[in-house]
Amino acid sequence: MSCVFCETGTVIHARSGGSGDIPLIIVHGGSGSSRLCEALTSALLPQFRWWTVDLPGHGESSWTPGRYRLDAVGAALAEWAEHEIGGPAWWYGHSYGGQATLATAGATPGLFAGLVLGDTPLIPEQMYERLELSTDRMRQWQQWCGLPEDTLLQLLGDEPFGGRTTAEVLGADHFYLRGMAESLHRHDPSFIAALLDDRDAVYGSLVQANRWLAAIPGPVVLFRGDPAVMTMTSDDDVTLIESAGGKVHTFDGVGHGLHHFAPTAVATAIADYT
């Protein structure tokens, strides 16, 4: 575990491993942490040297409540990467982490050899529609932040999953449930409040997505969840990526979670595009 003290006052923590020649920075999704990337890093091929970052307000990283704008988070990630990596790397960002990573490219494109967006919504208005669908669940998570991990593991396992509970579907000790329990135990609840109550401040800078994509000097790939299962991205996101010269890779039978539930397939696809 390493940490970098940024000029913003943020402390960015990251885990690292691998001994390959290709630097790869992995950024988890909203309300997660680097803990949820362990299955992916275990599946990575040996050509990678990797870092998994805790986003501000997540995991071991700190943040000032109320400052979760994508452009501000992107600037903090850029400062971390300049200190820790110092040159171009491949980045994989999932969901909100993909949005923050894209904002990082807008701040410092020279840090990018290429970018993989993991089922990352890029259209603000459509992002808001998706937030509306998950408001109740996110409010519940906001109330759970800071509870003991064993309590969170039980609560998360009891959440509905179709006609069953999540624990019944995945198994009560599934690494995703344990990772989310650890993440919510350390999570800043004001992050969730910002997403739901101040969404324009958080996501408004996504209007720059096209400019941010154009700034990246290397390839861009959108990993899309299967619409038949559950995806956060839309056909408009696909059009935006392709209009910027990027590629789209859909994972059949895998929903928004991607590397949470198909880490080997995601790791193989990352290797194929780098």
C-alpha atoms as a PDB file:
ATOM      1  CA  MET A   1       0.000   0.000   0.000  1.00  0.00           C
ATOM      2  CA  SER A   2       1.331   3.440  -0.935  1.00  0.00           C
ATOM      3  CA  CYS A   3      -0.076   6.903  -0.343  1.00  0.00           C
ATOM      4  CA  VAL A   4       0.404  10.308  -1.940  1.00  0.00           C
ATOM      5  CA  PHE A   5      -0.461  13.618  -0.287  1.00  0.00           C
ATOM      6  CA  CYS A   6      -1.964  15.885  -2.959  1.00  0.00           C
ATOM      7  CA  GLU A   7      -1.923  19.679  -2.963  1.00  0.00           C
ATOM      8  CA  THR A   8      -5.715  19.612  -2.543  1.00  0.00           C
ATOM      9  CA  GLY A   9      -5.217  18.058   0.896  1.00  0.00           C
ATOM     10  CA  THR A  10      -6.379  14.675  -0.357  1.00  0.00           C
ATOM     11  CA  VAL A  11      -4.465  11.534   0.551  1.00  0.00           C
ATOM     12  CA  ILE A  12      -4.632   8.984  -2.293  1.00  0.00           C
ATOM     13  CA  HIS A  13      -3.926   5.371  -1.356  1.00  0.00           C
ATOM     14  CA  ALA A  14      -3.105   2.659  -3.877  1.00  0.00           C
ATOM     15  CA  ARG A  15      -2.132  -0.998  -3.925  1.00  0.00           C
ATOM     16  CA  SER A  16       0.366  -2.260  -6.470  1.00  0.00           C
ATOM     17  CA  GLY A  17       1.765  -5.492  -7.849  1.00  0.00           C
ATOM     18  CA  GLY A  18       2.961  -7.328 -10.923  1.00  0.00           C
ATOM     19  CA  SER A  19       6.358  -7.049 -12.554  1.00  0.00           C
ATOM     20  CA  GLY A  20       5.580  -6.614 -16.243  1.00  0.00           C
ATOM     21  CA  ASP A  21       6.520  -3.837 -18.636  1.00  0.00           C
ATOM     22  CA  ILE A  22       3.010  -2.397 -19.195  1.00  0.00           C
ATOM     23  CA  PRO A  23       1.837  -0.016 -16.447  1.00  0.00           C
ATOM     24  CA  LEU A  24      -1.897  -0.379 -15.735  1.00  0.00           C
ATOM     25  CA  ILE A  25      -3.891   1.780 -13.327  1.00  0.00           C
ATOM     26  CA  ILE A  26      -7.222   0.317 -12.184  1.00  0.00           C
ATOM     27  CA  VAL A  27      -9.914   2.598 -10.725  1.00  0.00           C
ATOM     28  CA  HIS A  28     -12.954   1.085  -8.987  1.00  0.00           C
ATOM     29  CA  GLY A  29     -16.550   2.293  -9.286  1.00  0.00           C
ATOM     30  CA  GLY A  30     -18.573   4.534  -6.985  1.00  0.00           C
ATOM     31  CA  SER A  31     -18.955   3.382  -3.348  1.00  0.00           C
ATOM     32  CA  GLY A  32     -16.365   0.650  -3.961  1.00  0.00           C
ATOM     33  CA  SER A  33     -12.654   0.491  -3.224  1.00  0.00           C
ATOM     34  CA  SER A  34      -9.449  -1.115  -4.465  1.00  0.00           C
ATOM     35  CA  ARG A  35     -10.481  -4.189  -2.454  1.00  0.00           C
ATOM     36  CA  LEU A  36     -13.053  -4.943  -5.174  1.00  0.00           C
ATOM     37  CA  CYS A  37     -10.316  -5.116  -7.820  1.00  0.00           C
ATOM     38  CA  GLU A  38      -8.447  -8.055  -6.278  1.00  0.00           C
ATOM     39  CA  ALA A  39     -10.088 -10.714  -8.457  1.00  0.00           C
ATOM     40  CA  LEU A  40      -9.164  -8.707 -11.547  1.00  0.00           C
ATOM     41  CA  THR A  41      -5.535  -8.179 -10.550  1.00  0.00           C
ATOM     42  CA  SER A  42      -5.231 -11.895  -9.750  1.00  0.00           C
ATOM     43  CA  ALA A  43      -6.402 -12.659 -13.304  1.00  0.00           C
ATOM     44  CA  LEU A  44      -4.129 -10.168 -15.088  1.00  0.00           C
ATOM     45  CA  LEU A  45      -1.550 -11.576 -17.459  1.00  0.00           C
ATOM     46  CA  PRO A  46       2.135 -11.235 -16.454  1.00  0.00           C
ATOM     47  CA  GLN A  47       2.952  -8.390 -18.840  1.00  0.00           C
ATOM     48  CA  PHE A  48       1.363  -5.855 -16.469  1.00  0.00           C
ATOM     49  CA  ARG A  49       2.688  -3.796 -13.582  1.00  0.00           C
ATOM     50  CA  TRP A  50      -0.522  -2.624 -11.897  1.00  0.00           C
ATOM     51  CA  TRP A  51      -1.860  -0.135  -9.367  1.00  0.00           C
ATOM     52  CA  THR A  52      -5.381  -0.165  -7.876  1.00  0.00           C
ATOM     53  CA  VAL A  53      -6.385   3.246  -6.560  1.00  0.00           C
ATOM     54  CA  ASP A  54      -8.818   4.140  -3.798  1.00  0.00           C
ATOM     55  CA  LEU A  55     -10.837   7.082  -5.106  1.00  0.00           C
ATOM     56  CA  PRO A  56     -11.163  10.104  -2.810  1.00  0.00           C
ATOM     57  CA  GLY A  57     -13.647   9.370  -0.020  1.00  0.00           C
ATOM     58  CA  HIS A  58     -13.380   5.633  -0.700  1.00  0.00           C
ATOM     59  CA  GLY A  59     -11.272   2.929   0.941  1.00  0.00           C
ATOM     60  CA  GLU A  60      -8.161   4.398   2.546  1.00  0.00           C
ATOM     61  CA  SER A  61      -8.240   7.691   0.606  1.00  0.00           C
ATOM     62  CA  SER A  62      -9.433  10.916   2.194  1.00  0.00           C
ATOM     63  CA  TRP A  63     -11.415  13.810   0.756  1.00  0.00           C
ATOM     64  CA  THR A  64     -13.167  17.010   1.750  1.00  0.00           C
ATOM     65  CA  PRO A  65     -16.945  16.305   1.907  1.00  0.00           C
ATOM     66  CA  GLY A  66     -18.888  18.052  -0.836  1.00  0.00           C
ATOM     67  CA  ARG A  67     -16.006  18.065  -3.338  1.00  0.00           C
ATOM     68  CA  TYR A  68     -16.825  15.093  -5.522  1.00  0.00           C
ATOM     69  CA  ARG A  69     -16.937  16.903  -8.861  1.00  0.00           C
ATOM     70  CA  LEU A  70     -15.500  14.714 -11.577  1.00  0.00           C
ATOM     71  CA  ASP A  71     -13.043  17.374 -12.694  1.00  0.00           C
ATOM     72  CA  ALA A  72     -11.749  17.817  -9.126  1.00  0.00           C
ATOM     73  CA  VAL A  73     -11.402  14.067  -8.590  1.00  0.00           C
ATOM     74  CA  GLY A  74      -9.695  13.783 -11.976  1.00  0.00           C
ATOM     75  CA  ALA A  75      -7.180  16.451 -10.987  1.00  0.00           C
ATOM     76  CA  ALA A  76      -6.391  14.579  -7.741  1.00  0.00           C
ATOM     77  CA  LEU A  77      -5.879  11.313  -9.647  1.00  0.00           C
ATOM     78  CA  ALA A  78      -3.613  13.116 -12.115  1.00  0.00           C
ATOM     79  CA  GLU A  79      -1.508  14.480  -9.258  1.00  0.00           C
ATOM     80  CA  TRP A  80      -1.240  10.981  -7.771  1.00  0.00           C
ATOM     81  CA  ALA A  81      -0.258   9.421 -11.116  1.00  0.00           C
ATOM     82  CA  GLU A  82       2.347  12.078 -11.873  1.00  0.00           C
ATOM     83  CA  HIS A  83       3.964  11.379  -8.498  1.00  0.00           C
ATOM     84  CA  GLU A  84       3.613   7.580  -8.522  1.00  0.00           C
ATOM     85  CA  ILE A  85       3.951   6.635 -12.221  1.00  0.00           C
ATOM     86  CA  GLY A  86       5.480   9.697 -13.834  1.00  0.00           C
ATOM     87  CA  GLY A  87       4.644   8.745 -17.421  1.00  0.00           C
ATOM     88  CA  PRO A  88       2.049   7.236 -19.754  1.00  0.00           C
ATOM     89  CA  ALA A  89       0.094   4.216 -18.529  1.00  0.00           C
ATOM     90  CA  TRP A  90      -2.964   2.253 -19.510  1.00  0.00           C
ATOM     91  CA  TRP A  91      -5.996   3.003 -17.339  1.00  0.00           C
ATOM     92  CA  TYR A  92      -9.072   0.890 -16.621  1.00  0.00           C
ATOM     93  CA  GLY A  93     -11.882   2.758 -14.847  1.00  0.00           C
ATOM     94  CA  HIS A  94     -15.204   1.171 -13.918  1.00  0.00           C
ATOM     95  CA  SER A  95     -18.478   3.168 -13.893  1.00  0.00           C
ATOM     96  CA  TYR A  96     -17.929   6.343 -11.774  1.00  0.00           C
ATOM     97  CA  GLY A  97     -14.257   5.402 -11.720  1.00  0.00           C
ATOM     98  CA  GLY A  98     -14.284   5.487 -15.515  1.00  0.00           C
ATOM     99  CA  GLN A  99     -15.823   8.949 -15.460  1.00  0.00           C
ATOM    100  CA  ALA A 100     -13.172  10.160 -13.002  1.00  0.00           C
ATOM    101  CA  THR A 101     -10.448   8.534 -15.093  1.00  0.00           C
ATOM    102  CA  LEU A 102     -11.716  10.252 -18.218  1.00  0.00           C
ATOM    103  CA  ALA A 103     -11.626  13.550 -16.308  1.00  0.00           C
ATOM    104  CA  THR A 104      -8.023  12.720 -15.402  1.00  0.00           C
ATOM    105  CA  ALA A 105      -7.260  12.464 -19.109  1.00  0.00           C
ATOM    106  CA  GLY A 106      -8.792  15.890 -19.585  1.00  0.00           C
ATOM    107  CA  ALA A 107      -6.495  17.287 -16.897  1.00  0.00           C
ATOM    108  CA  THR A 108      -3.268  15.518 -17.939  1.00  0.00           C
ATOM    109  CA  PRO A 109      -3.541  13.526 -21.185  1.00  0.00           C
ATOM    110  CA  GLY A 110       0.179  12.770 -21.203  1.00  0.00           C
ATOM    111  CA  LEU A 111      -0.408  10.242 -18.411  1.00  0.00           C
ATOM    112  CA  PHE A 112      -2.356   7.997 -20.811  1.00  0.00           C
ATOM    113  CA  ALA A 113      -1.086   5.309 -23.156  1.00  0.00           C
ATOM    114  CA  GLY A 114      -4.690   4.178 -23.541  1.00  0.00           C
ATOM    115  CA  LEU A 115      -8.002   4.005 -21.695  1.00  0.00           C
ATOM    116  CA  VAL A 116     -10.520   1.242 -21.043  1.00  0.00           C
ATOM    117  CA  LEU A 117     -13.880   2.419 -19.716  1.00  0.00           C
ATOM    118  CA  GLY A 118     -15.758  -0.249 -17.778  1.00  0.00           C
ATOM    119  CA  ASP A 119     -19.484   0.206 -18.543  1.00  0.00           C
ATOM    120  CA  THR A 120     -19.103   3.944 -17.954  1.00  0.00           C
ATOM    121  CA  PRO A 121     -22.063   6.275 -18.676  1.00  0.00           C
ATOM    122  CA  LEU A 122     -20.941   9.432 -20.484  1.00  0.00           C
ATOM    123  CA  ILE A 123     -24.196  11.361 -21.106  1.00  0.00           C
ATOM    124  CA  PRO A 124     -25.200  13.491 -18.056  1.00  0.00           C
ATOM    125  CA  GLU A 125     -28.963  13.352 -18.626  1.00  0.00           C
ATOM    126  CA  GLN A 126     -28.895   9.579 -18.998  1.00  0.00           C
ATOM    127  CA  MET A 127     -26.703   9.299 -15.907  1.00  0.00           C
ATOM    128  CA  TYR A 128     -29.383  11.147 -13.961  1.00  0.00           C
ATOM    129  CA  GLU A 129     -32.054   8.738 -15.200  1.00  0.00           C
ATOM    130  CA  ARG A 130     -30.018   5.820 -13.893  1.00  0.00           C
ATOM    131  CA  LEU A 131     -29.582   7.519 -10.541  1.00  0.00           C
ATOM    132  CA  GLU A 132     -33.344   7.842 -10.225  1.00  0.00           C
ATOM    133  CA  LEU A 133     -33.692   4.074 -10.609  1.00  0.00           C
ATOM    134  CA  SER A 134     -31.266   3.346  -7.765  1.00  0.00           C
ATOM    135  CA  THR A 135     -32.093   6.188  -5.341  1.00  0.00           C
ATOM    136  CA  ASP A 136     -33.708   4.017  -2.660  1.00  0.00           C
ATOM    137  CA  ARG A 137     -30.824   1.556  -2.608  1.00  0.00           C
ATOM    138  CA  MET A 138     -28.216   4.326  -2.478  1.00  0.00           C
ATOM    139  CA  ARG A 139     -30.041   6.076   0.379  1.00  0.00           C
ATOM    140  CA  GLN A 140     -29.900   2.796   2.264  1.00  0.00           C
ATOM    141  CA  TRP A 141     -26.172   2.459   1.580  1.00  0.00           C
ATOM    142  CA  GLN A 142     -25.671   6.023   2.802  1.00  0.00           C
ATOM    143  CA  GLN A 143     -27.206   5.063   6.158  1.00  0.00           C
ATOM    144  CA  TRP A 144     -25.046   1.933   6.356  1.00  0.00           C
ATOM    145  CA  CYS A 145     -21.704   3.711   5.843  1.00  0.00           C
ATOM    146  CA  GLY A 146     -19.384   3.101   8.783  1.00  0.00           C
ATOM    147  CA  LEU A 147     -21.194   0.069  10.210  1.00  0.00           C
ATOM    148  CA  PRO A 148     -19.085  -2.962  11.207  1.00  0.00           C
ATOM    149  CA  GLU A 149     -18.083  -5.150   8.267  1.00  0.00           C
ATOM    150  CA  ASP A 150     -19.865  -8.244   9.600  1.00  0.00           C
ATOM    151  CA  THR A 151     -23.093  -6.259   9.923  1.00  0.00           C
ATOM    152  CA  LEU A 152     -22.680  -4.876   6.416  1.00  0.00           C
ATOM    153  CA  LEU A 153     -22.006  -8.336   5.030  1.00  0.00           C
ATOM    154  CA  GLN A 154     -25.342  -9.510   6.421  1.00  0.00           C
ATOM    155  CA  LEU A 155     -27.229  -6.420   5.214  1.00  0.00           C
ATOM    156  CA  LEU A 156     -25.764  -6.584   1.717  1.00  0.00           C
ATOM    157  CA  GLY A 157     -26.424 -10.298   1.506  1.00  0.00           C
ATOM    158  CA  ASP A 158     -30.069  -9.734   2.430  1.00  0.00           C
ATOM    159  CA  GLU A 159     -30.632  -7.273  -0.432  1.00  0.00           C
ATOM    160  CA  PRO A 160     -33.077  -8.556  -3.076  1.00  0.00           C
ATOM    161  CA  PHE A 161     -31.643 -10.124  -6.211  1.00  0.00           C
ATOM    162  CA  GLY A 162     -34.519 -11.049  -8.485  1.00  0.00           C
ATOM    163  CA  GLY A 163     -36.790 -13.236  -6.405  1.00  0.00           C
ATOM    164  CA  ARG A 164     -33.974 -14.230  -4.039  1.00  0.00           C
ATOM    165  CA  THR A 165     -31.382 -12.510  -1.861  1.00  0.00           C
ATOM    166  CA  THR A 166     -27.924 -11.524  -3.049  1.00  0.00           C
ATOM    167  CA  ALA A 167     -26.338 -14.001  -0.627  1.00  0.00           C
ATOM    168  CA  GLU A 168     -28.518 -16.811  -1.975  1.00  0.00           C
ATOM    169  CA  VAL A 169     -27.488 -16.017  -5.547  1.00  0.00           C
ATOM    170  CA  LEU A 170     -23.774 -15.331  -5.022  1.00  0.00           C
ATOM    171  CA  GLY A 171     -23.036 -17.171  -1.781  1.00  0.00           C
ATOM    172  CA  ALA A 172     -22.872 -15.516   1.629  1.00  0.00           C
ATOM    173  CA  ASP A 173     -19.061 -15.309   1.551  1.00  0.00           C
ATOM    174  CA  HIS A 174     -18.688 -14.135  -2.067  1.00  0.00           C
ATOM    175  CA  PHE A 175     -15.707 -11.802  -2.561  1.00  0.00           C
ATOM    176  CA  TYR A 176     -17.981  -9.080  -3.988  1.00  0.00           C
ATOM    177  CA  LEU A 177     -20.098  -9.002  -0.820  1.00  0.00           C
ATOM    178  CA  ARG A 178     -17.004  -8.987   1.391  1.00  0.00           C
ATOM    179  CA  GLY A 179     -15.408  -6.277  -0.734  1.00  0.00           C
ATOM    180  CA  MET A 180     -18.513  -4.095  -0.601  1.00  0.00           C
ATOM    181  CA  ALA A 181     -18.780  -4.602   3.164  1.00  0.00           C
ATOM    182  CA  GLU A 182     -15.201  -3.428   3.620  1.00  0.00           C
ATOM    183  CA  SER A 183     -15.776  -0.530   1.219  1.00  0.00           C
ATOM    184  CA  LEU A 184     -18.948   0.762   2.897  1.00  0.00           C
ATOM    185  CA  HIS A 185     -17.327   0.403   6.324  1.00  0.00           C
ATOM    186  CA  ARG A 186     -14.767   3.039   5.273  1.00  0.00           C
ATOM    187  CA  HIS A 187     -16.954   5.027   2.872  1.00  0.00           C
ATOM    188  CA  ASP A 188     -17.715   8.749   3.148  1.00  0.00           C
ATOM    189  CA  PRO A 189     -21.545   8.955   3.162  1.00  0.00           C
ATOM    190  CA  SER A 190     -21.415  12.484   1.779  1.00  0.00           C
ATOM    191  CA  PHE A 191     -20.261  10.972  -1.524  1.00  0.00           C
ATOM    192  CA  ILE A 192     -23.637   9.273  -1.905  1.00  0.00           C
ATOM    193  CA  ALA A 193     -25.400  12.440  -0.764  1.00  0.00           C
ATOM    194  CA  ALA A 194     -23.535  14.393  -3.446  1.00  0.00           C
ATOM    195  CA  LEU A 195     -24.575  11.936  -6.172  1.00  0.00           C
ATOM    196  CA  LEU A 196     -28.232  12.142  -5.211  1.00  0.00           C
ATOM    197  CA  ASP A 197     -28.617  15.734  -4.014  1.00  0.00           C
ATOM    198  CA  ASP A 198     -26.023  17.688  -5.975  1.00  0.00           C
ATOM    199  CA  ARG A 199     -25.774  15.658  -9.147  1.00  0.00           C
ATOM    200  CA  ASP A 200     -25.144  18.619 -11.456  1.00  0.00           C
ATOM    201  CA  ALA A 201     -22.080  19.563  -9.423  1.00  0.00           C
ATOM    202  CA  VAL A 202     -20.794  15.965  -9.538  1.00  0.00           C
ATOM    203  CA  TYR A 203     -21.629  15.036 -13.115  1.00  0.00           C
ATOM    204  CA  GLY A 204     -22.021  18.389 -14.874  1.00  0.00           C
ATOM    205  CA  SER A 205     -18.492  18.309 -16.261  1.00  0.00           C
ATOM    206  CA  LEU A 206     -19.415  15.183 -18.263  1.00  0.00           C
ATOM    207  CA  VAL A 207     -20.501  17.632 -20.956  1.00  0.00           C
ATOM    208  CA  GLN A 208     -16.756  17.740 -21.681  1.00  0.00           C
ATOM    209  CA  ALA A 209     -16.595  13.961 -22.335  1.00  0.00           C
ATOM    210  CA  ASN A 210     -16.102  14.434 -26.057  1.00  0.00           C
ATOM    211  CA  ARG A 211     -13.194  16.836 -25.483  1.00  0.00           C
ATOM    212  CA  TRP A 212     -11.665  14.561 -22.857  1.00  0.00           C
ATOM    213  CA  LEU A 213     -11.861  11.569 -25.213  1.00  0.00           C
ATOM    214  CA  ALA A 214     -10.214  13.563 -27.995  1.00  0.00           C
ATOM    215  CA  ALA A 215      -7.337  14.500 -25.656  1.00  0.00           C
ATOM    216  CA  ILE A 216      -6.253  10.904 -25.055  1.00  0.00           C
ATOM    217  CA  PRO A 217      -3.186  10.173 -27.210  1.00  0.00           C
ATOM    218  CA  GLY A 218      -3.729   6.385 -27.304  1.00  0.00           C
ATOM    219  CA  PRO A 219      -6.591   3.940 -27.937  1.00  0.00           C
ATOM    220  CA  VAL A 220      -9.940   4.138 -26.129  1.00  0.00           C
ATOM    221  CA  VAL A 221     -12.175   1.105 -25.546  1.00  0.00           C
ATOM    222  CA  LEU A 222     -15.599   0.922 -23.915  1.00  0.00           C
ATOM    223  CA  PHE A 223     -16.267  -2.384 -22.150  1.00  0.00           C
ATOM    224  CA  ARG A 224     -20.047  -2.610 -22.148  1.00  0.00           C
ATOM    225  CA  GLY A 225     -22.257  -4.796 -20.006  1.00  0.00           C
ATOM    226  CA  ASP A 226     -24.792  -7.009 -21.729  1.00  0.00           C
ATOM    227  CA  PRO A 227     -28.057  -5.038 -22.166  1.00  0.00           C
ATOM    228  CA  ALA A 228     -29.968  -8.310 -21.683  1.00  0.00           C
ATOM    229  CA  VAL A 229     -28.484  -8.582 -18.173  1.00  0.00           C
ATOM    230  CA  MET A 230     -27.914  -4.995 -17.017  1.00  0.00           C
ATOM    231  CA  THR A 231     -25.814  -2.199 -18.438  1.00  0.00           C
ATOM    232  CA  MET A 232     -25.318   1.407 -17.361  1.00  0.00           C
ATOM    233  CA  THR A 233     -24.188   2.479 -20.816  1.00  0.00           C
ATOM    234  CA  SER A 234     -26.510   3.311 -23.712  1.00  0.00           C
ATOM    235  CA  ASP A 235     -26.397   3.308 -27.485  1.00  0.00           C
ATOM    236  CA  ASP A 236     -25.612   7.028 -27.235  1.00  0.00           C
ATOM    237  CA  ASP A 237     -22.483   6.182 -25.243  1.00  0.00           C
ATOM    238  CA  VAL A 238     -21.497   3.704 -27.937  1.00  0.00           C
ATOM    239  CA  THR A 239     -21.968   6.390 -30.601  1.00  0.00           C
ATOM    240  CA  LEU A 240     -19.894   8.879 -28.599  1.00  0.00           C
ATOM    241  CA  ILE A 241     -17.025   6.398 -28.205  1.00  0.00           C
ATOM    242  CA  GLU A 242     -17.054   5.364 -31.851  1.00  0.00           C
ATOM    243  CA  SER A 243     -17.263   8.965 -33.072  1.00  0.00           C
ATOM    244  CA  ALA A 244     -14.077   9.641 -31.103  1.00  0.00           C
ATOM    245  CA  GLY A 245     -12.355   6.743 -32.890  1.00  0.00           C
ATOM    246  CA  GLY A 246     -12.737   4.304 -30.004  1.00  0.00           C
ATOM    247  CA  LYS A 247     -13.882   0.695 -29.914  1.00  0.00           C
ATOM    248  CA  VAL A 248     -16.701  -1.060 -28.046  1.00  0.00           C
ATOM    249  CA  HIS A 249     -16.459  -4.551 -26.543  1.00  0.00           C
ATOM    250  CA  THR A 250     -19.669  -6.084 -25.128  1.00  0.00           C
ATOM    251  CA  PHE A 251     -19.464  -8.903 -22.588  1.00  0.00           C
ATOM    252  CA  ASP A 252     -22.269 -11.330 -23.359  1.00  0.00           C
ATOM    253  CA  GLY A 253     -24.025 -12.601 -20.264  1.00  0.00           C
ATOM    254  CA  VAL A 254     -22.230 -10.177 -17.927  1.00  0.00           C
ATOM    255  CA  GLY A 255     -23.940  -7.119 -16.471  1.00  0.00           C
ATOM    256  CA  HIS A 256     -22.642  -3.819 -15.194  1.00  0.00           C
ATOM    257  CA  GLY A 257     -20.382  -5.474 -12.597  1.00  0.00           C
ATOM    258  CA  LEU A 258     -17.937  -6.705 -15.282  1.00  0.00           C
ATOM    259  CA  HIS A 259     -14.703  -7.459 -13.369  1.00  0.00           C
ATOM    260  CA  HIS A 260     -16.647  -8.258 -10.189  1.00  0.00           C
ATOM    261  CA  PHE A 261     -18.277 -11.265 -11.833  1.00  0.00           C
ATOM    262  CA  ALA A 262     -16.118 -12.019 -14.891  1.00  0.00           C
ATOM    263  CA  PRO A 263     -12.580 -11.009 -13.849  1.00  0.00           C
ATOM    264  CA  THR A 264     -10.801 -13.443 -16.155  1.00  0.00           C
ATOM    265  CA  ALA A 265     -12.765 -12.339 -19.220  1.00  0.00           C
ATOM    266  CA  VAL A 266     -12.105  -8.666 -18.399  1.00  0.00           C
ATOM    267  CA  ALA A 267      -8.408  -9.302 -17.746  1.00  0.00           C
ATOM    268  CA  THR A 268      -8.071 -11.153 -21.054  1.00  0.00           C
ATOM    269  CA  ALA A 269      -9.857  -8.353 -22.941  1.00  0.00           C
ATOM    270  CA  ILE A 270      -7.617  -5.712 -21.351  1.00  0.00           C
ATOM    271  CA  ALA A 271      -4.574  -7.652 -22.559  1.00  0.00           C
ATOM    272  CA  ASP A 272      -6.059  -7.951 -26.034  1.00  0.00           C
ATOM    273  CA  TYR A 273      -6.399  -4.174 -26.416  1.00  0.00           C
ATOM    274  CA  THR A 274      -3.123  -3.049 -24.837  1.00  0.00           C
END
